[in-house]
N, C-alpha and C. Protein backbone atom coordinates (compact mmCIF):
# COMPACT_ATOMS: atom_id res chain seq x y z
N MET A 1 141.91 80.23 90.25
CA MET A 1 142.79 81.10 91.01
C MET A 1 143.08 80.49 92.39
N VAL A 2 142.07 79.90 92.99
CA VAL A 2 142.24 79.33 94.33
C VAL A 2 143.18 78.15 94.26
N GLN A 3 143.05 77.29 93.23
CA GLN A 3 143.93 76.13 93.11
C GLN A 3 145.38 76.57 92.87
N ILE A 4 145.54 77.64 92.14
CA ILE A 4 146.89 78.16 91.93
C ILE A 4 147.47 78.64 93.25
N ALA A 5 146.65 79.32 94.04
CA ALA A 5 147.12 79.82 95.34
C ALA A 5 147.49 78.66 96.27
N VAL A 6 146.74 77.57 96.22
CA VAL A 6 147.03 76.41 97.07
C VAL A 6 148.38 75.81 96.70
N ASN A 7 148.73 75.82 95.41
CA ASN A 7 149.96 75.19 94.94
C ASN A 7 151.20 76.08 95.08
N ILE A 8 151.05 77.33 95.45
CA ILE A 8 152.21 78.21 95.64
C ILE A 8 152.93 77.79 96.92
N GLU A 9 154.25 77.59 96.80
CA GLU A 9 155.01 77.10 97.95
C GLU A 9 155.43 78.22 98.90
N ASP A 10 155.72 79.40 98.42
CA ASP A 10 156.16 80.52 99.26
C ASP A 10 154.95 81.10 100.01
N ARG A 11 155.03 81.11 101.34
CA ARG A 11 153.91 81.57 102.16
C ARG A 11 153.56 83.03 101.89
N GLU A 12 154.56 83.86 101.71
CA GLU A 12 154.31 85.29 101.46
C GLU A 12 153.57 85.49 100.13
N GLU A 13 153.98 84.76 99.12
CA GLU A 13 153.30 84.84 97.82
C GLU A 13 151.86 84.32 97.92
N ARG A 14 151.69 83.23 98.71
CA ARG A 14 150.34 82.68 98.92
C ARG A 14 149.45 83.71 99.59
N ASN A 15 149.98 84.42 100.59
CA ASN A 15 149.21 85.46 101.28
C ASN A 15 148.82 86.58 100.33
N LYS A 16 149.76 86.99 99.45
CA LYS A 16 149.45 88.04 98.47
C LYS A 16 148.35 87.57 97.51
N MET A 17 148.50 86.33 97.07
CA MET A 17 147.51 85.79 96.14
C MET A 17 146.13 85.69 96.81
N ALA A 18 146.09 85.26 98.06
CA ALA A 18 144.82 85.18 98.78
C ALA A 18 144.20 86.56 98.92
N GLY A 19 145.02 87.56 99.22
CA GLY A 19 144.50 88.94 99.31
C GLY A 19 143.93 89.41 97.99
N ALA A 20 144.61 89.04 96.88
CA ALA A 20 144.11 89.43 95.55
C ALA A 20 142.78 88.74 95.25
N ILE A 21 142.69 87.47 95.62
CA ILE A 21 141.44 86.72 95.39
C ILE A 21 140.30 87.34 96.19
N ILE A 22 140.56 87.69 97.43
CA ILE A 22 139.53 88.33 98.27
C ILE A 22 139.12 89.66 97.65
N SER A 23 140.06 90.40 97.12
CA SER A 23 139.75 91.69 96.49
C SER A 23 138.85 91.50 95.27
N VAL A 24 139.18 90.49 94.45
CA VAL A 24 138.35 90.21 93.26
C VAL A 24 136.96 89.77 93.68
N MET A 25 136.87 88.91 94.69
CA MET A 25 135.56 88.46 95.17
C MET A 25 134.73 89.64 95.66
N GLY A 26 135.36 90.58 96.34
CA GLY A 26 134.65 91.77 96.83
C GLY A 26 134.17 92.65 95.70
N GLN A 27 134.96 92.71 94.60
CA GLN A 27 134.56 93.54 93.46
C GLN A 27 133.43 92.90 92.67
N LEU A 28 133.36 91.58 92.69
CA LEU A 28 132.30 90.90 91.95
C LEU A 28 130.92 91.14 92.56
N PHE A 29 130.87 91.35 93.87
CA PHE A 29 129.60 91.54 94.57
C PHE A 29 129.65 92.80 95.43
N PRO A 30 129.73 93.98 94.83
CA PRO A 30 129.86 95.21 95.62
C PRO A 30 128.63 95.52 96.46
N TYR A 31 127.47 95.06 96.04
CA TYR A 31 126.25 95.35 96.78
C TYR A 31 126.20 94.59 98.11
N LEU A 32 127.06 93.60 98.30
CA LEU A 32 127.08 92.85 99.56
C LEU A 32 127.99 93.50 100.60
N ARG A 33 128.67 94.57 100.25
CA ARG A 33 129.59 95.20 101.20
C ARG A 33 128.89 95.80 102.41
N ASP A 34 127.61 96.01 102.31
CA ASP A 34 126.86 96.57 103.44
C ASP A 34 126.58 95.51 104.51
N ILE A 35 126.82 94.25 104.18
CA ILE A 35 126.59 93.18 105.15
C ILE A 35 127.66 93.28 106.22
N GLU A 36 127.26 93.01 107.45
CA GLU A 36 128.11 93.23 108.61
C GLU A 36 129.45 92.49 108.53
N ASP A 37 129.45 91.20 108.28
CA ASP A 37 130.68 90.41 108.27
C ASP A 37 131.10 90.05 106.85
N PHE A 38 131.09 91.04 105.97
CA PHE A 38 131.36 90.81 104.56
C PHE A 38 132.74 90.17 104.36
N ASN A 39 133.78 90.75 104.93
CA ASN A 39 135.14 90.22 104.75
C ASN A 39 135.29 88.85 105.38
N HIS A 40 134.66 88.67 106.53
CA HIS A 40 134.74 87.36 107.19
C HIS A 40 134.13 86.28 106.29
N LYS A 41 133.01 86.59 105.66
CA LYS A 41 132.36 85.63 104.77
C LYS A 41 133.24 85.34 103.55
N LEU A 42 133.90 86.38 103.03
CA LEU A 42 134.76 86.16 101.88
C LEU A 42 135.91 85.21 102.24
N TRP A 43 136.52 85.41 103.39
CA TRP A 43 137.61 84.53 103.81
C TRP A 43 137.10 83.11 104.05
N ASP A 44 135.92 82.98 104.63
CA ASP A 44 135.33 81.65 104.82
C ASP A 44 135.11 80.96 103.48
N HIS A 45 134.60 81.71 102.51
CA HIS A 45 134.35 81.14 101.18
C HIS A 45 135.66 80.73 100.51
N LEU A 46 136.69 81.52 100.71
CA LEU A 46 137.99 81.18 100.13
C LEU A 46 138.50 79.86 100.70
N HIS A 47 138.38 79.67 102.00
CA HIS A 47 138.82 78.41 102.61
C HIS A 47 137.96 77.24 102.14
N ILE A 48 136.68 77.46 101.99
CA ILE A 48 135.78 76.40 101.52
C ILE A 48 136.11 76.02 100.07
N MET A 49 136.35 77.04 99.22
CA MET A 49 136.67 76.75 97.82
C MET A 49 137.98 75.97 97.68
N SER A 50 138.89 76.15 98.65
CA SER A 50 140.17 75.43 98.57
C SER A 50 140.11 74.09 99.28
N ASP A 51 138.94 73.66 99.68
CA ASP A 51 138.75 72.42 100.44
C ASP A 51 139.59 72.41 101.72
N HIS A 52 139.73 73.56 102.33
CA HIS A 52 140.48 73.77 103.58
C HIS A 52 141.96 73.43 103.43
N LYS A 53 142.48 73.50 102.21
CA LYS A 53 143.89 73.20 101.96
C LYS A 53 144.75 74.46 101.91
N LEU A 54 144.13 75.63 101.81
CA LEU A 54 144.88 76.88 101.69
C LEU A 54 145.43 77.28 103.05
N ASP A 55 146.76 77.37 103.14
CA ASP A 55 147.42 77.73 104.39
C ASP A 55 147.92 79.17 104.26
N VAL A 56 147.11 80.12 104.75
CA VAL A 56 147.45 81.54 104.68
C VAL A 56 147.22 82.19 106.04
N ASP A 57 147.73 83.41 106.18
CA ASP A 57 147.52 84.18 107.40
C ASP A 57 146.20 84.94 107.25
N SER A 58 145.14 84.31 107.60
CA SER A 58 143.81 84.90 107.48
C SER A 58 143.51 85.74 108.71
N PRO A 59 142.85 86.89 108.53
CA PRO A 59 142.47 87.68 109.71
C PRO A 59 141.35 87.02 110.53
N TYR A 60 140.77 85.97 110.01
CA TYR A 60 139.69 85.26 110.68
C TYR A 60 140.05 83.79 110.80
N PRO A 61 139.54 83.08 111.79
CA PRO A 61 139.84 81.66 111.90
C PRO A 61 139.18 80.87 110.77
N LYS A 62 139.82 79.77 110.39
CA LYS A 62 139.25 78.90 109.36
C LYS A 62 137.94 78.32 109.86
N PRO A 63 136.94 78.21 108.98
CA PRO A 63 135.70 77.54 109.40
C PRO A 63 135.97 76.05 109.58
N GLU A 64 135.41 75.48 110.62
CA GLU A 64 135.60 74.06 110.89
C GLU A 64 134.78 73.23 109.91
N LEU A 65 135.39 72.22 109.36
CA LEU A 65 134.72 71.37 108.38
C LEU A 65 133.53 70.64 108.99
N GLU A 66 133.68 70.18 110.24
CA GLU A 66 132.58 69.47 110.91
C GLU A 66 131.38 70.40 111.10
N GLU A 67 131.66 71.66 111.40
CA GLU A 67 130.58 72.63 111.60
C GLU A 67 129.82 72.89 110.30
N LEU A 68 130.55 72.93 109.19
CA LEU A 68 129.90 73.16 107.90
C LEU A 68 129.06 71.97 107.45
N LEU A 69 129.50 70.76 107.81
CA LEU A 69 128.79 69.57 107.37
C LEU A 69 127.67 69.14 108.30
N SER A 70 127.63 69.70 109.51
CA SER A 70 126.61 69.29 110.47
C SER A 70 125.26 69.90 110.12
N LYS A 71 124.21 69.17 110.44
CA LYS A 71 122.86 69.66 110.19
C LYS A 71 122.46 70.61 111.31
N PRO A 72 121.65 71.62 111.01
CA PRO A 72 121.19 72.51 112.07
C PRO A 72 120.21 71.79 113.01
N ASN A 73 120.08 72.31 114.21
CA ASN A 73 119.14 71.73 115.17
C ASN A 73 117.72 71.88 114.65
N ARG A 74 116.91 70.89 114.91
CA ARG A 74 115.52 70.90 114.48
C ARG A 74 114.74 71.93 115.31
N ILE A 75 113.95 72.73 114.64
CA ILE A 75 113.11 73.71 115.32
C ILE A 75 111.78 73.03 115.62
N PRO A 76 111.39 73.02 116.88
CA PRO A 76 110.14 72.32 117.22
C PRO A 76 108.93 73.06 116.66
N TYR A 77 108.03 72.31 116.08
CA TYR A 77 106.80 72.88 115.55
C TYR A 77 105.76 72.86 116.66
N PRO A 78 105.07 73.97 116.87
CA PRO A 78 104.09 73.97 117.97
C PRO A 78 102.99 72.94 117.73
N GLN A 79 102.71 72.16 118.74
CA GLN A 79 101.74 71.08 118.62
C GLN A 79 100.37 71.47 119.18
N ARG A 80 100.20 72.71 119.56
CA ARG A 80 98.95 73.17 120.14
C ARG A 80 97.87 73.21 119.07
N THR A 81 96.69 72.75 119.42
CA THR A 81 95.58 72.80 118.46
C THR A 81 94.89 74.15 118.53
N ILE A 82 94.33 74.54 117.42
CA ILE A 82 93.61 75.80 117.33
C ILE A 82 92.12 75.47 117.41
N ARG A 83 91.42 76.15 118.31
CA ARG A 83 90.00 75.85 118.49
C ARG A 83 89.19 76.15 117.25
N TYR A 84 89.38 77.31 116.69
CA TYR A 84 88.67 77.72 115.48
C TYR A 84 89.73 78.03 114.43
N GLY A 85 89.93 77.10 113.50
CA GLY A 85 91.01 77.20 112.53
C GLY A 85 90.94 78.42 111.64
N HIS A 86 89.75 78.88 111.30
CA HIS A 86 89.63 80.02 110.40
C HIS A 86 90.06 81.33 111.05
N TYR A 87 90.15 81.37 112.37
CA TYR A 87 90.64 82.57 113.05
C TYR A 87 92.16 82.56 113.17
N GLY A 88 92.73 81.40 113.37
CA GLY A 88 94.18 81.29 113.46
C GLY A 88 94.70 81.51 114.86
N ARG A 89 95.95 81.17 115.04
CA ARG A 89 96.60 81.26 116.34
C ARG A 89 96.81 82.72 116.76
N THR A 90 97.10 83.59 115.82
CA THR A 90 97.36 84.99 116.15
C THR A 90 96.15 85.64 116.77
N LEU A 91 94.97 85.36 116.23
CA LEU A 91 93.76 85.94 116.81
C LEU A 91 93.50 85.39 118.20
N GLU A 92 93.80 84.11 118.42
CA GLU A 92 93.67 83.55 119.77
C GLU A 92 94.59 84.30 120.75
N GLU A 93 95.81 84.59 120.31
CA GLU A 93 96.75 85.30 121.17
C GLU A 93 96.29 86.74 121.42
N ILE A 94 95.71 87.37 120.40
CA ILE A 94 95.18 88.73 120.57
C ILE A 94 94.06 88.72 121.60
N ILE A 95 93.15 87.77 121.49
CA ILE A 95 92.03 87.68 122.43
C ILE A 95 92.55 87.46 123.85
N LYS A 96 93.53 86.60 124.00
CA LYS A 96 94.09 86.34 125.33
C LYS A 96 94.74 87.60 125.89
N ALA A 97 95.51 88.30 125.07
CA ALA A 97 96.18 89.52 125.53
C ALA A 97 95.18 90.61 125.89
N VAL A 98 94.17 90.80 125.06
CA VAL A 98 93.17 91.84 125.32
C VAL A 98 92.37 91.49 126.56
N SER A 99 91.99 90.23 126.71
CA SER A 99 91.16 89.87 127.87
C SER A 99 91.95 89.97 129.17
N ASP A 100 93.28 89.83 129.12
CA ASP A 100 94.09 89.96 130.32
C ASP A 100 94.35 91.43 130.69
N VAL A 101 94.39 92.31 129.71
CA VAL A 101 94.78 93.70 129.95
C VAL A 101 93.61 94.65 130.13
N VAL A 102 92.52 94.40 129.45
CA VAL A 102 91.42 95.36 129.37
C VAL A 102 90.77 95.58 130.75
N THR A 103 90.43 96.86 131.01
CA THR A 103 89.74 97.20 132.25
C THR A 103 88.23 97.12 132.03
N ASP A 104 87.47 97.20 133.12
CA ASP A 104 86.01 97.05 133.01
C ASP A 104 85.38 98.12 132.14
N GLU A 105 85.86 99.39 132.22
CA GLU A 105 85.22 100.44 131.43
C GLU A 105 85.56 100.34 129.94
N ASP A 106 86.67 99.69 129.61
CA ASP A 106 87.05 99.54 128.19
C ASP A 106 86.63 98.19 127.61
N ARG A 107 86.03 97.34 128.43
CA ARG A 107 85.73 95.98 128.02
C ARG A 107 84.80 95.92 126.81
N GLU A 108 83.75 96.74 126.78
CA GLU A 108 82.80 96.67 125.67
C GLU A 108 83.44 97.14 124.37
N GLY A 109 84.19 98.23 124.42
CA GLY A 109 84.85 98.73 123.20
C GLY A 109 85.86 97.73 122.65
N ALA A 110 86.64 97.12 123.56
CA ALA A 110 87.61 96.12 123.13
C ALA A 110 86.90 94.90 122.56
N SER A 111 85.79 94.52 123.18
CA SER A 111 85.04 93.36 122.70
C SER A 111 84.50 93.59 121.30
N ILE A 112 84.00 94.79 121.04
CA ILE A 112 83.49 95.12 119.71
C ILE A 112 84.61 95.08 118.68
N MET A 113 85.77 95.64 119.03
CA MET A 113 86.90 95.66 118.09
C MET A 113 87.35 94.24 117.77
N VAL A 114 87.47 93.40 118.78
CA VAL A 114 87.91 92.03 118.55
C VAL A 114 86.85 91.25 117.77
N ALA A 115 85.58 91.47 118.08
CA ALA A 115 84.50 90.77 117.36
C ALA A 115 84.50 91.16 115.89
N ASN A 116 84.72 92.44 115.59
CA ASN A 116 84.80 92.87 114.19
C ASN A 116 85.99 92.22 113.48
N LEU A 117 87.11 92.10 114.18
CA LEU A 117 88.27 91.42 113.60
C LEU A 117 87.96 89.94 113.36
N MET A 118 87.27 89.32 114.28
CA MET A 118 86.88 87.92 114.11
C MET A 118 85.96 87.76 112.90
N LYS A 119 85.03 88.68 112.74
CA LYS A 119 84.10 88.61 111.61
C LYS A 119 84.86 88.77 110.30
N ARG A 120 85.84 89.66 110.29
CA ARG A 120 86.65 89.88 109.09
C ARG A 120 87.43 88.60 108.76
N GLN A 121 88.04 87.98 109.77
CA GLN A 121 88.79 86.75 109.55
C GLN A 121 87.87 85.64 109.07
N TYR A 122 86.69 85.53 109.66
CA TYR A 122 85.74 84.51 109.26
C TYR A 122 85.37 84.67 107.79
N LEU A 123 85.11 85.91 107.38
CA LEU A 123 84.69 86.15 105.99
C LEU A 123 85.85 86.04 105.00
N THR A 124 87.06 86.13 105.48
CA THR A 124 88.21 85.94 104.59
C THR A 124 88.24 84.51 104.08
N TRP A 125 87.94 83.56 104.95
CA TRP A 125 88.02 82.16 104.57
C TRP A 125 86.67 81.57 104.19
N ASN A 126 85.58 82.15 104.65
CA ASN A 126 84.24 81.65 104.36
C ASN A 126 83.46 82.79 103.73
N ARG A 127 83.25 82.74 102.45
CA ARG A 127 82.61 83.85 101.73
C ARG A 127 81.10 83.96 101.98
N ASP A 128 80.53 83.02 102.70
CA ASP A 128 79.11 83.09 103.00
C ASP A 128 78.87 84.17 104.05
N THR A 129 77.63 84.45 104.29
CA THR A 129 77.31 85.40 105.35
C THR A 129 77.56 84.76 106.70
N VAL A 130 77.73 85.59 107.69
CA VAL A 130 78.00 85.10 109.03
C VAL A 130 77.02 85.77 109.98
N ASN A 131 76.60 85.03 110.95
CA ASN A 131 75.68 85.53 111.95
C ASN A 131 76.48 86.22 113.06
N ASP A 132 76.12 87.46 113.38
CA ASP A 132 76.84 88.20 114.42
C ASP A 132 76.74 87.50 115.78
N ASP A 133 75.60 86.87 116.06
CA ASP A 133 75.45 86.17 117.34
C ASP A 133 76.44 85.01 117.46
N MET A 134 76.75 84.35 116.33
CA MET A 134 77.73 83.28 116.36
C MET A 134 79.11 83.83 116.71
N ILE A 135 79.47 84.97 116.13
CA ILE A 135 80.76 85.61 116.44
C ILE A 135 80.81 85.98 117.92
N ILE A 136 79.74 86.52 118.44
CA ILE A 136 79.68 86.92 119.85
C ILE A 136 79.85 85.71 120.76
N ASP A 137 79.20 84.60 120.41
CA ASP A 137 79.33 83.37 121.20
C ASP A 137 80.76 82.84 121.16
N GLN A 138 81.37 82.87 119.98
CA GLN A 138 82.74 82.37 119.85
C GLN A 138 83.74 83.27 120.56
N LEU A 139 83.49 84.57 120.58
CA LEU A 139 84.35 85.50 121.32
C LEU A 139 84.30 85.19 122.81
N LYS A 140 83.11 84.96 123.32
CA LYS A 140 82.97 84.64 124.74
C LYS A 140 83.66 83.32 125.06
N ASP A 141 83.51 82.35 124.16
CA ASP A 141 84.14 81.04 124.35
C ASP A 141 85.67 81.15 124.30
N MET A 142 86.21 81.87 123.33
CA MET A 142 87.66 81.97 123.16
C MET A 142 88.32 82.78 124.27
N SER A 143 87.59 83.72 124.89
CA SER A 143 88.15 84.54 125.96
C SER A 143 87.82 83.99 127.34
N ASN A 144 87.23 82.82 127.38
CA ASN A 144 86.82 82.20 128.64
C ASN A 144 85.88 83.11 129.44
N GLY A 145 85.00 83.79 128.73
CA GLY A 145 83.99 84.62 129.37
C GLY A 145 84.46 86.02 129.76
N LYS A 146 85.72 86.36 129.49
CA LYS A 146 86.23 87.68 129.87
C LYS A 146 85.78 88.78 128.91
N LEU A 147 85.64 88.46 127.63
CA LEU A 147 85.14 89.42 126.64
C LEU A 147 83.78 88.92 126.18
N PHE A 148 82.80 89.79 126.28
CA PHE A 148 81.46 89.38 125.87
C PHE A 148 80.68 90.59 125.41
N LEU A 149 79.69 90.33 124.58
CA LEU A 149 78.76 91.35 124.09
C LEU A 149 77.36 90.78 124.22
N GLU A 150 76.41 91.66 124.30
CA GLU A 150 75.01 91.25 124.34
C GLU A 150 74.59 90.83 122.93
N HIS A 151 73.75 89.84 122.83
CA HIS A 151 73.23 89.43 121.53
C HIS A 151 72.43 90.57 120.95
N GLY A 152 72.56 90.78 119.65
CA GLY A 152 71.86 91.86 118.98
C GLY A 152 72.75 93.06 118.74
N VAL A 153 73.97 93.07 119.25
CA VAL A 153 74.91 94.17 118.99
C VAL A 153 75.29 94.12 117.52
N GLU A 154 75.25 95.28 116.87
CA GLU A 154 75.56 95.36 115.45
C GLU A 154 77.08 95.43 115.26
N LEU A 155 77.60 94.48 114.51
CA LEU A 155 79.01 94.51 114.11
C LEU A 155 79.10 95.13 112.72
N VAL A 156 80.30 95.22 112.19
CA VAL A 156 80.49 95.80 110.86
C VAL A 156 79.67 95.02 109.85
N ASN A 157 79.10 95.73 108.90
CA ASN A 157 78.25 95.12 107.89
C ASN A 157 79.06 94.13 107.04
N THR A 158 78.48 92.98 106.79
CA THR A 158 79.15 91.92 106.02
C THR A 158 79.50 92.41 104.62
N ASN A 159 78.63 93.15 103.97
CA ASN A 159 78.90 93.64 102.61
C ASN A 159 80.12 94.56 102.58
N ASP A 160 80.29 95.37 103.62
CA ASP A 160 81.45 96.26 103.68
C ASP A 160 82.74 95.45 103.79
N ILE A 161 82.70 94.39 104.57
CA ILE A 161 83.90 93.56 104.75
C ILE A 161 84.21 92.80 103.47
N VAL A 162 83.20 92.19 102.87
CA VAL A 162 83.42 91.38 101.67
C VAL A 162 83.91 92.26 100.52
N SER A 163 83.38 93.46 100.38
CA SER A 163 83.83 94.33 99.29
C SER A 163 85.26 94.79 99.50
N SER A 164 85.71 94.91 100.76
CA SER A 164 87.09 95.32 100.99
C SER A 164 88.05 94.14 100.86
N ILE A 165 87.57 92.91 100.98
CA ILE A 165 88.42 91.72 100.87
C ILE A 165 88.60 91.31 99.43
N LYS A 166 87.58 91.53 98.60
CA LYS A 166 87.61 91.09 97.20
C LYS A 166 88.82 91.67 96.49
N PRO A 167 89.55 90.85 95.72
CA PRO A 167 90.68 91.40 94.96
C PRO A 167 90.18 92.34 93.88
N LYS A 168 90.86 93.44 93.74
CA LYS A 168 90.49 94.44 92.74
C LYS A 168 90.91 93.96 91.36
N SER A 169 90.07 94.17 90.36
CA SER A 169 90.44 93.79 89.00
C SER A 169 91.20 94.95 88.38
N LYS A 170 92.01 94.61 87.41
CA LYS A 170 92.82 95.63 86.74
C LYS A 170 91.90 96.49 85.88
N PRO A 171 92.16 97.80 85.84
CA PRO A 171 91.33 98.65 84.99
C PRO A 171 91.59 98.33 83.52
N LYS A 172 90.53 98.37 82.74
CA LYS A 172 90.66 98.06 81.31
C LYS A 172 91.16 99.31 80.58
N MET A 173 92.10 99.06 79.73
CA MET A 173 92.67 100.16 78.95
C MET A 173 91.84 100.33 77.68
N ASN A 174 91.46 101.55 77.39
CA ASN A 174 90.72 101.84 76.17
C ASN A 174 91.74 102.01 75.05
N LYS A 175 91.82 101.03 74.20
CA LYS A 175 92.83 101.07 73.15
C LYS A 175 92.38 101.95 71.98
N GLY A 176 91.11 101.97 71.74
CA GLY A 176 90.61 102.78 70.63
C GLY A 176 91.05 102.24 69.29
N PRO A 177 90.66 102.92 68.22
CA PRO A 177 91.05 102.44 66.89
C PRO A 177 92.54 102.68 66.66
N LYS A 178 93.15 101.78 65.90
CA LYS A 178 94.57 101.92 65.60
C LYS A 178 94.74 102.93 64.48
N LYS A 179 95.73 103.78 64.64
CA LYS A 179 96.03 104.76 63.59
C LYS A 179 97.20 104.26 62.76
N LYS A 180 97.11 104.50 61.49
CA LYS A 180 98.19 104.13 60.61
C LYS A 180 99.19 105.26 60.55
N ILE A 181 100.43 104.89 60.59
CA ILE A 181 101.49 105.90 60.50
C ILE A 181 101.96 105.95 59.06
N LYS A 182 101.96 107.14 58.54
CA LYS A 182 102.38 107.31 57.15
C LYS A 182 103.89 107.42 57.12
N LYS A 183 104.47 106.76 56.14
CA LYS A 183 105.92 106.84 55.96
C LYS A 183 106.26 108.04 55.11
N ARG A 184 107.31 108.69 55.47
CA ARG A 184 107.79 109.84 54.68
C ARG A 184 108.78 109.33 53.65
N ASN A 185 108.74 109.93 52.54
CA ASN A 185 109.68 109.55 51.48
C ASN A 185 110.87 110.43 51.50
């Protein structure tokens, strides 16, 4: 259809044909009509399908061929190293944010919450048991001494964390004995 529209010599007929093609394209994908620039995309696709040879009165400007062929700008990947890989960058950012915002009276409660999160993250990647004192030391190290707990503070029980992390198995269906269906004559 697009090649036929390109070969039509009368501009008015070409415009009618382009409108019909856009209408058909819209009907083929009705679920895309909720997209913000739906018609603009259809007109862009029409120009691309015609190899930019279709000369019609489009309500939108033709997409530039150089813009379509150019590569997107490279997104820089963060080169920052993570001190404790099993905690991840997000937990480091949480610790930094909490240690900057927390007041003195809320410091212990925030420290316990973050330490429990650290223990959960540790057990997600390392299924062995973890020593709470190690978590407390790493919390102090990661927060530059701003968040700290006394050694011997009880964190969430390791068994509770591991049982909540374990993937649940599918329940077994009791099939029971098969019944024979009698045919009626």
